[in-house]
N, C-alpha and C. Protein backbone atom coordinates (compact mmCIF):
# COMPACT_ATOMS: atom_id res chain seq x y z
N UNK A 1 0.84 -1.23 -0.03
CA UNK A 1 0.02 0.04 0.01
C UNK A 1 0.87 1.21 -0.01
N UNK A 2 0.52 2.16 -0.89
CA UNK A 2 1.34 3.40 -0.96
C UNK A 2 0.90 4.34 0.09
N UNK A 3 1.81 5.04 0.83
CA UNK A 3 1.48 5.93 1.95
C UNK A 3 1.88 7.29 1.53
N UNK A 4 0.88 8.26 1.60
CA UNK A 4 1.05 9.64 1.31
C UNK A 4 0.75 10.41 2.57
N UNK A 5 1.76 10.58 3.29
CA UNK A 5 1.58 11.43 4.58
C UNK A 5 1.64 12.78 4.45
N UNK A 6 1.97 13.34 3.36
CA UNK A 6 2.06 14.85 2.98
C UNK A 6 0.84 15.28 2.31
N UNK A 7 0.05 14.31 1.84
CA UNK A 7 -1.10 14.68 0.98
C UNK A 7 -2.38 14.64 1.86
N UNK A 8 -3.07 15.68 1.84
CA UNK A 8 -4.32 15.80 2.67
C UNK A 8 -5.54 16.17 1.89
N UNK A 9 -6.71 15.69 2.24
CA UNK A 9 -7.88 16.13 1.59
C UNK A 9 -8.85 16.50 2.70
N UNK A 10 -9.11 17.81 2.82
CA UNK A 10 -9.95 18.46 3.69
C UNK A 10 -11.13 19.07 3.06
N UNK A 11 -12.35 18.77 3.40
CA UNK A 11 -13.50 19.39 2.62
C UNK A 11 -13.52 20.91 2.49
N UNK A 12 -13.05 21.53 3.60
CA UNK A 12 -13.00 23.05 3.61
C UNK A 12 -11.80 23.68 3.00
N UNK A 13 -10.84 22.98 2.53
CA UNK A 13 -9.67 23.56 1.99
C UNK A 13 -9.60 23.18 0.46
N UNK A 14 -9.55 24.21 -0.33
CA UNK A 14 -9.50 24.04 -1.94
C UNK A 14 -10.56 23.06 -2.22
N UNK A 15 -11.85 23.06 -1.81
CA UNK A 15 -12.81 22.27 -2.33
C UNK A 15 -12.55 20.77 -2.08
N UNK A 16 -11.82 20.40 -1.24
CA UNK A 16 -11.49 18.99 -0.96
C UNK A 16 -10.47 18.38 -1.81
N UNK A 17 -9.86 19.24 -2.75
CA UNK A 17 -8.86 18.49 -3.68
C UNK A 17 -7.68 18.13 -2.78
N UNK A 18 -6.92 17.21 -3.34
CA UNK A 18 -5.72 16.77 -2.65
C UNK A 18 -4.75 18.00 -2.54
N UNK A 19 -4.26 18.18 -1.32
CA UNK A 19 -3.33 19.38 -1.19
C UNK A 19 -2.11 18.89 -0.34
N UNK A 20 -1.09 19.74 -0.22
CA UNK A 20 0.23 19.58 0.41
C UNK A 20 -0.04 19.97 1.85
N UNK A 21 0.07 19.09 2.82
CA UNK A 21 0.03 19.22 4.24
C UNK A 21 -1.00 20.28 4.72
N UNK A 22 -2.17 20.11 4.15
CA UNK A 22 -3.27 21.00 4.55
C UNK A 22 -3.26 22.47 4.10
N UNK A 23 -2.18 22.70 3.29
CA UNK A 23 -2.07 24.09 2.84
C UNK A 23 -2.91 24.37 1.56
N UNK A 24 -3.02 25.50 1.13
CA UNK A 24 -3.81 25.72 0.00
C UNK A 24 -2.88 25.69 -1.31
N UNK A 25 -2.06 24.57 -1.38
CA UNK A 25 -1.38 24.23 -2.51
C UNK A 25 -1.78 22.87 -2.98
N UNK A 26 -2.36 22.79 -4.05
CA UNK A 26 -2.90 21.43 -4.54
C UNK A 26 -1.89 20.71 -5.30
N UNK A 27 -2.06 19.38 -5.28
CA UNK A 27 -1.24 18.42 -6.10
C UNK A 27 -1.39 18.80 -7.50
N UNK A 28 -2.41 19.21 -8.05
CA UNK A 28 -2.57 19.60 -9.37
C UNK A 28 -1.67 20.81 -9.67
N UNK A 29 -1.55 21.88 -8.82
CA UNK A 29 -0.79 22.91 -9.11
C UNK A 29 0.74 22.48 -9.21
N UNK A 30 1.15 21.64 -8.19
CA UNK A 30 2.54 21.15 -8.36
C UNK A 30 2.78 20.37 -9.64
N UNK A 31 1.88 19.50 -10.06
CA UNK A 31 2.04 18.79 -11.32
C UNK A 31 2.05 19.80 -12.59
N UNK A 32 1.20 20.82 -12.53
CA UNK A 32 1.29 21.79 -13.63
C UNK A 32 2.46 22.50 -13.67
N UNK A 33 3.10 22.84 -12.56
CA UNK A 33 4.36 23.63 -12.58
C UNK A 33 5.45 22.70 -13.07
N UNK A 34 5.57 21.45 -12.79
CA UNK A 34 6.59 20.66 -13.22
C UNK A 34 6.27 20.30 -14.80
N UNK A 35 5.07 20.25 -15.09
CA UNK A 35 4.68 19.96 -16.46
C UNK A 35 5.10 21.27 -17.39
N UNK A 36 5.10 22.47 -16.75
CA UNK A 36 5.45 23.62 -17.49
C UNK A 36 6.87 23.85 -17.54
N UNK A 37 7.71 22.86 -17.07
CA UNK A 37 9.13 23.03 -17.16
C UNK A 37 9.82 23.47 -15.98
N UNK A 38 9.23 23.79 -14.92
CA UNK A 38 9.89 24.25 -13.74
C UNK A 38 10.50 23.07 -13.07
N UNK A 39 11.67 23.30 -12.47
CA UNK A 39 12.36 22.20 -11.82
C UNK A 39 11.91 22.28 -10.30
N UNK A 40 12.17 21.20 -9.62
CA UNK A 40 11.77 21.08 -8.16
C UNK A 40 12.53 22.38 -7.41
N UNK A 41 13.81 22.54 -7.77
CA UNK A 41 14.54 23.60 -7.15
C UNK A 41 13.80 24.98 -7.37
N UNK A 42 13.31 25.12 -8.64
CA UNK A 42 12.75 26.40 -8.94
C UNK A 42 11.38 26.62 -8.02
N UNK A 43 10.64 25.52 -8.00
CA UNK A 43 9.50 25.38 -7.07
C UNK A 43 9.79 25.83 -5.72
N UNK A 44 10.93 25.21 -5.21
CA UNK A 44 11.15 25.49 -3.74
C UNK A 44 11.49 27.06 -3.57
N UNK A 45 12.04 27.68 -4.55
CA UNK A 45 12.38 29.06 -4.35
C UNK A 45 11.04 29.91 -4.55
N UNK A 46 10.25 29.58 -5.52
CA UNK A 46 9.01 30.29 -5.69
C UNK A 46 8.00 30.05 -4.57
N UNK A 47 7.96 28.81 -4.00
CA UNK A 47 7.14 28.58 -2.79
C UNK A 47 7.90 28.01 -1.66
N UNK A 48 8.52 29.06 -0.95
CA UNK A 48 9.51 28.71 0.08
C UNK A 48 8.84 27.90 1.25
N UNK A 49 7.55 27.84 1.32
CA UNK A 49 6.92 27.00 2.43
C UNK A 49 6.90 25.56 2.00
N UNK A 50 7.12 25.11 0.73
CA UNK A 50 7.16 23.82 0.33
C UNK A 50 8.52 23.15 0.72
N UNK A 51 8.48 21.87 0.95
CA UNK A 51 9.77 21.14 1.04
C UNK A 51 9.88 20.19 -0.13
N UNK A 52 11.14 19.81 -0.31
CA UNK A 52 11.29 18.91 -1.53
C UNK A 52 10.50 17.57 -1.41
N UNK A 53 10.40 17.13 -0.26
CA UNK A 53 9.53 15.91 -0.14
C UNK A 53 8.01 16.18 -0.39
N UNK A 54 7.46 17.39 -0.09
CA UNK A 54 6.20 17.71 -0.59
C UNK A 54 5.94 17.58 -2.07
N UNK A 55 6.98 18.25 -2.83
CA UNK A 55 6.90 18.12 -4.25
C UNK A 55 7.00 16.74 -4.84
N UNK A 56 7.92 15.92 -4.27
CA UNK A 56 8.17 14.53 -4.71
C UNK A 56 6.95 13.76 -4.50
N UNK A 57 6.42 13.89 -3.27
CA UNK A 57 5.23 13.16 -2.97
C UNK A 57 3.97 13.48 -3.71
N UNK A 58 3.81 14.73 -4.02
CA UNK A 58 2.76 15.28 -4.84
C UNK A 58 2.82 14.52 -6.33
N UNK A 59 4.11 14.42 -6.77
CA UNK A 59 4.22 13.82 -8.12
C UNK A 59 3.92 12.32 -7.93
N UNK A 60 4.40 11.67 -6.91
CA UNK A 60 4.08 10.29 -6.72
C UNK A 60 2.55 9.95 -6.53
N UNK A 61 1.91 10.92 -5.88
CA UNK A 61 0.47 10.78 -5.68
C UNK A 61 -0.28 10.89 -7.09
N UNK A 62 0.18 11.91 -7.88
CA UNK A 62 -0.47 12.10 -9.12
C UNK A 62 -0.25 10.78 -9.98
N UNK A 63 0.97 10.36 -9.94
CA UNK A 63 1.30 9.07 -10.76
C UNK A 63 0.38 7.97 -10.27
N UNK A 64 0.23 7.81 -8.99
CA UNK A 64 -0.62 6.77 -8.50
C UNK A 64 -2.04 6.93 -8.80
N UNK A 65 -2.46 8.16 -8.79
CA UNK A 65 -3.89 8.39 -9.16
C UNK A 65 -4.14 8.21 -10.62
N UNK A 66 -3.14 8.44 -11.47
CA UNK A 66 -3.30 8.26 -13.01
C UNK A 66 -3.55 6.86 -13.28
N UNK A 67 -3.11 5.83 -12.45
CA UNK A 67 -3.37 4.53 -12.68
C UNK A 67 -4.68 4.07 -12.23
N UNK A 68 -5.40 4.92 -11.48
CA UNK A 68 -6.66 4.62 -11.03
C UNK A 68 -7.75 4.26 -11.98
N UNK A 69 -7.72 4.83 -13.20
CA UNK A 69 -8.75 4.60 -14.18
C UNK A 69 -7.98 4.69 -15.47
N UNK A 70 -8.43 4.05 -16.53
CA UNK A 70 -7.87 4.15 -17.80
C UNK A 70 -8.56 5.28 -18.57
N UNK A 71 -7.80 6.18 -19.17
CA UNK A 71 -8.31 7.24 -20.00
C UNK A 71 -7.79 6.96 -21.35
N UNK A 72 -8.68 6.79 -22.36
CA UNK A 72 -8.36 6.46 -23.76
C UNK A 72 -8.20 7.87 -24.45
N UNK A 73 -6.92 8.22 -24.93
CA UNK A 73 -6.81 9.55 -25.58
C UNK A 73 -7.49 9.44 -26.89
N UNK A 74 -7.90 10.51 -27.44
CA UNK A 74 -8.51 10.65 -28.82
C UNK A 74 -7.38 10.46 -29.75
N UNK A 75 -7.56 9.71 -30.77
CA UNK A 75 -6.70 9.39 -31.90
C UNK A 75 -6.57 10.63 -32.78
N UNK A 76 -5.39 10.89 -33.39
CA UNK A 76 -5.24 12.05 -34.28
C UNK A 76 -6.13 11.83 -35.47
N UNK A 77 -6.71 12.86 -35.82
CA UNK A 77 -7.65 12.94 -36.96
C UNK A 77 -8.96 12.53 -36.72
N UNK A 78 -9.40 12.10 -35.59
CA UNK A 78 -10.66 11.79 -35.11
C UNK A 78 -11.30 13.02 -34.53
N UNK A 79 -12.56 13.21 -34.60
CA UNK A 79 -13.28 14.30 -34.13
C UNK A 79 -14.34 13.87 -33.03
N UNK A 80 -14.56 14.60 -32.10
CA UNK A 80 -15.45 14.30 -30.93
C UNK A 80 -16.73 15.15 -31.18
N UNK A 81 -17.61 14.67 -32.08
CA UNK A 81 -18.80 15.37 -32.45
C UNK A 81 -19.91 14.57 -31.86
């Protein structure tokens, strides 16, 4: 069983989305920053209240959740009408 001790889901915080240690920093925000090309070191400068383990665990949590269900991407050239 995977343990995520830095990821919290509190109904009154960010609409219950997964956050870092109860703060108003969502896992999704961390993933978007990394996806935009920001390094972990850059994130730690931009968000000094985060710790390296917070970012790493957020990425691990997102990877774990992505295996939760299968999403079939639309193939090139097809349209969703």
